[in-house]
Amino acid sequence: FRASLTGKDAGLTFYRGGSRKGYRALWAELMKAKEVK
């Protein structure tokens, strides 16, 4: 999972370079997405 974040845009297409935002912001968005589901 982390590999996809640190790697290229693979898996981050809909995040638009989420890695640039920082892992904390990305993780928060993922947690929210999981809670919604």
Foldseek 3Di string as FASTA:
>chain_A
DVCCLPDDCVVVPVVPNVVVVPVVVVVVVVVVVVVVD
